[in-house]
Amino acid sequence: MNFGPGDMVFLKSGGPRMTVESVGEVHMTGEAGVWCVWFEQAGSKQVAKREVFAPVTLKRAEERKQPARTAGSYF
């Protein structure tokens, strides 16, 4: 499966929803890699985590529908 920057993915084995940052070749192995970012709760803060995954370990997440924003609505 092909992934691109901005795609939402999950690990096939489960875990958090992640955003693809980039796709390319992993320098040390020469194999394809998908660079992902996600957020985890650390106390009262959200902390960004990043990791590289083999494409075969990922599946595309379904897009969440965002409610329409109204004038003056910021959140």
C-alpha atoms as a PDB file:
ATOM      1  CA  MET A   1       0.000   0.000   0.000  1.00  0.00           C
ATOM      2  CA  ASN A   2       1.289   3.471  -0.817  1.00  0.00           C
ATOM      3  CA  PHE A   3       1.297   6.139   1.870  1.00  0.00           C
ATOM      4  CA  GLY A   4       1.989   9.847   1.571  1.00  0.00           C
ATOM      5  CA  PRO A   5       2.536  12.829   3.868  1.00  0.00           C
ATOM      6  CA  GLY A   6      -0.631  13.738   5.728  1.00  0.00           C
ATOM      7  CA  ASP A   7      -2.173  10.260   5.522  1.00  0.00           C
ATOM      8  CA  MET A   8      -3.673   8.935   8.753  1.00  0.00           C
ATOM      9  CA  VAL A   9      -2.533   5.401   9.651  1.00  0.00           C
ATOM     10  CA  PHE A  10      -2.598   2.761  12.396  1.00  0.00           C
ATOM     11  CA  LEU A  11      -0.284  -0.140  13.093  1.00  0.00           C
ATOM     12  CA  LYS A  12      -1.993  -3.359  11.968  1.00  0.00           C
ATOM     13  CA  SER A  13      -1.345  -4.713  15.468  1.00  0.00           C
ATOM     14  CA  GLY A  14      -3.155  -1.737  17.064  1.00  0.00           C
ATOM     15  CA  GLY A  15      -2.091   1.468  18.745  1.00  0.00           C
ATOM     16  CA  PRO A  16      -2.679   5.190  18.321  1.00  0.00           C
ATOM     17  CA  ARG A  17      -3.795   6.966  15.172  1.00  0.00           C
ATOM     18  CA  MET A  18      -0.683   8.453  13.502  1.00  0.00           C
ATOM     19  CA  THR A  19       0.032  11.001  10.781  1.00  0.00           C
ATOM     20  CA  VAL A  20       2.525  10.168   8.023  1.00  0.00           C
ATOM     21  CA  GLU A  21       5.259  12.828   7.912  1.00  0.00           C
ATOM     22  CA  SER A  22       7.277  11.379   5.046  1.00  0.00           C
ATOM     23  CA  VAL A  23       7.979   8.209   3.083  1.00  0.00           C
ATOM     24  CA  GLY A  24      11.323   7.066   1.729  1.00  0.00           C
ATOM     25  CA  GLU A  25      14.283   4.767   2.074  1.00  0.00           C
ATOM     26  CA  VAL A  26      15.732   4.044   5.517  1.00  0.00           C
ATOM     27  CA  HIS A  27      19.435   4.901   5.160  1.00  0.00           C
ATOM     28  CA  MET A  28      20.813   2.110   7.355  1.00  0.00           C
ATOM     29  CA  THR A  29      18.784  -0.742   5.825  1.00  0.00           C
ATOM     30  CA  GLY A  30      17.951   0.467   2.319  1.00  0.00           C
ATOM     31  CA  GLU A  31      14.350  -0.640   2.886  1.00  0.00           C
ATOM     32  CA  ALA A  32      11.201   1.456   2.542  1.00  0.00           C
ATOM     33  CA  GLY A  33      10.146   3.397   5.638  1.00  0.00           C
ATOM     34  CA  VAL A  34       7.173   5.492   6.703  1.00  0.00           C
ATOM     35  CA  TRP A  35       7.950   8.280   9.193  1.00  0.00           C
ATOM     36  CA  CYS A  36       4.977   8.850  11.505  1.00  0.00           C
ATOM     37  CA  VAL A  37       4.060  11.226  14.329  1.00  0.00           C
ATOM     38  CA  TRP A  38       1.414  10.817  17.043  1.00  0.00           C
ATOM     39  CA  PHE A  39       0.628  12.234  20.466  1.00  0.00           C
ATOM     40  CA  GLU A  40       0.657  10.527  23.867  1.00  0.00           C
ATOM     41  CA  GLN A  41      -0.517  11.767  27.240  1.00  0.00           C
ATOM     42  CA  ALA A  42       2.383  12.445  29.643  1.00  0.00           C
ATOM     43  CA  GLY A  43       0.916  13.678  32.899  1.00  0.00           C
ATOM     44  CA  SER A  44      -1.096  16.751  32.003  1.00  0.00           C
ATOM     45  CA  LYS A  45       0.706  17.303  28.669  1.00  0.00           C
ATOM     46  CA  GLN A  46       0.407  15.877  25.166  1.00  0.00           C
ATOM     47  CA  VAL A  47       3.837  14.780  23.917  1.00  0.00           C
ATOM     48  CA  ALA A  48       4.676  14.222  20.225  1.00  0.00           C
ATOM     49  CA  LYS A  49       6.258  10.856  19.442  1.00  0.00           C
ATOM     50  CA  ARG A  50       7.957   9.937  16.161  1.00  0.00           C
ATOM     51  CA  GLU A  51       9.047   6.624  14.694  1.00  0.00           C
ATOM     52  CA  VAL A  52       9.779   4.934  11.354  1.00  0.00           C
ATOM     53  CA  PHE A  53       7.692   1.909  10.375  1.00  0.00           C
ATOM     54  CA  ALA A  54       7.850  -0.607   7.530  1.00  0.00           C
ATOM     55  CA  PRO A  55       4.888   0.023   5.182  1.00  0.00           C
ATOM     56  CA  VAL A  56       3.732  -3.594   5.568  1.00  0.00           C
ATOM     57  CA  THR A  57       3.018  -2.951   9.284  1.00  0.00           C
ATOM     58  CA  LEU A  58       0.592  -0.060   8.634  1.00  0.00           C
ATOM     59  CA  LYS A  59      -3.002   0.306   7.494  1.00  0.00           C
ATOM     60  CA  ARG A  60      -4.773   3.469   6.402  1.00  0.00           C
ATOM     61  CA  ALA A  61      -7.174   4.990   8.943  1.00  0.00           C
ATOM     62  CA  GLU A  62     -10.610   6.149   7.895  1.00  0.00           C
ATOM     63  CA  GLU A  63     -10.986   9.920   7.852  1.00  0.00           C
ATOM     64  CA  ARG A  64     -12.895  11.378  10.778  1.00  0.00           C
ATOM     65  CA  LYS A  65     -15.681  13.725   9.799  1.00  0.00           C
ATOM     66  CA  GLN A  66     -15.177  17.180  11.300  1.00  0.00           C
ATOM     67  CA  PRO A  67     -18.284  19.134  12.331  1.00  0.00           C
ATOM     68  CA  ALA A  68     -18.837  22.273  10.270  1.00  0.00           C
ATOM     69  CA  ARG A  69     -17.523  25.409  11.954  1.00  0.00           C
ATOM     70  CA  THR A  70     -19.772  28.381  12.432  1.00  0.00           C
ATOM     71  CA  ALA A  71     -18.783  32.032  12.278  1.00  0.00           C
ATOM     72  CA  GLY A  72     -16.865  33.022  15.418  1.00  0.00           C
ATOM     73  CA  SER A  73     -16.142  29.388  16.310  1.00  0.00           C
ATOM     74  CA  TYR A  74     -12.446  28.713  16.956  1.00  0.00           C
ATOM     75  CA  PHE A  75     -12.479  25.316  18.655  1.00  0.00           C
END
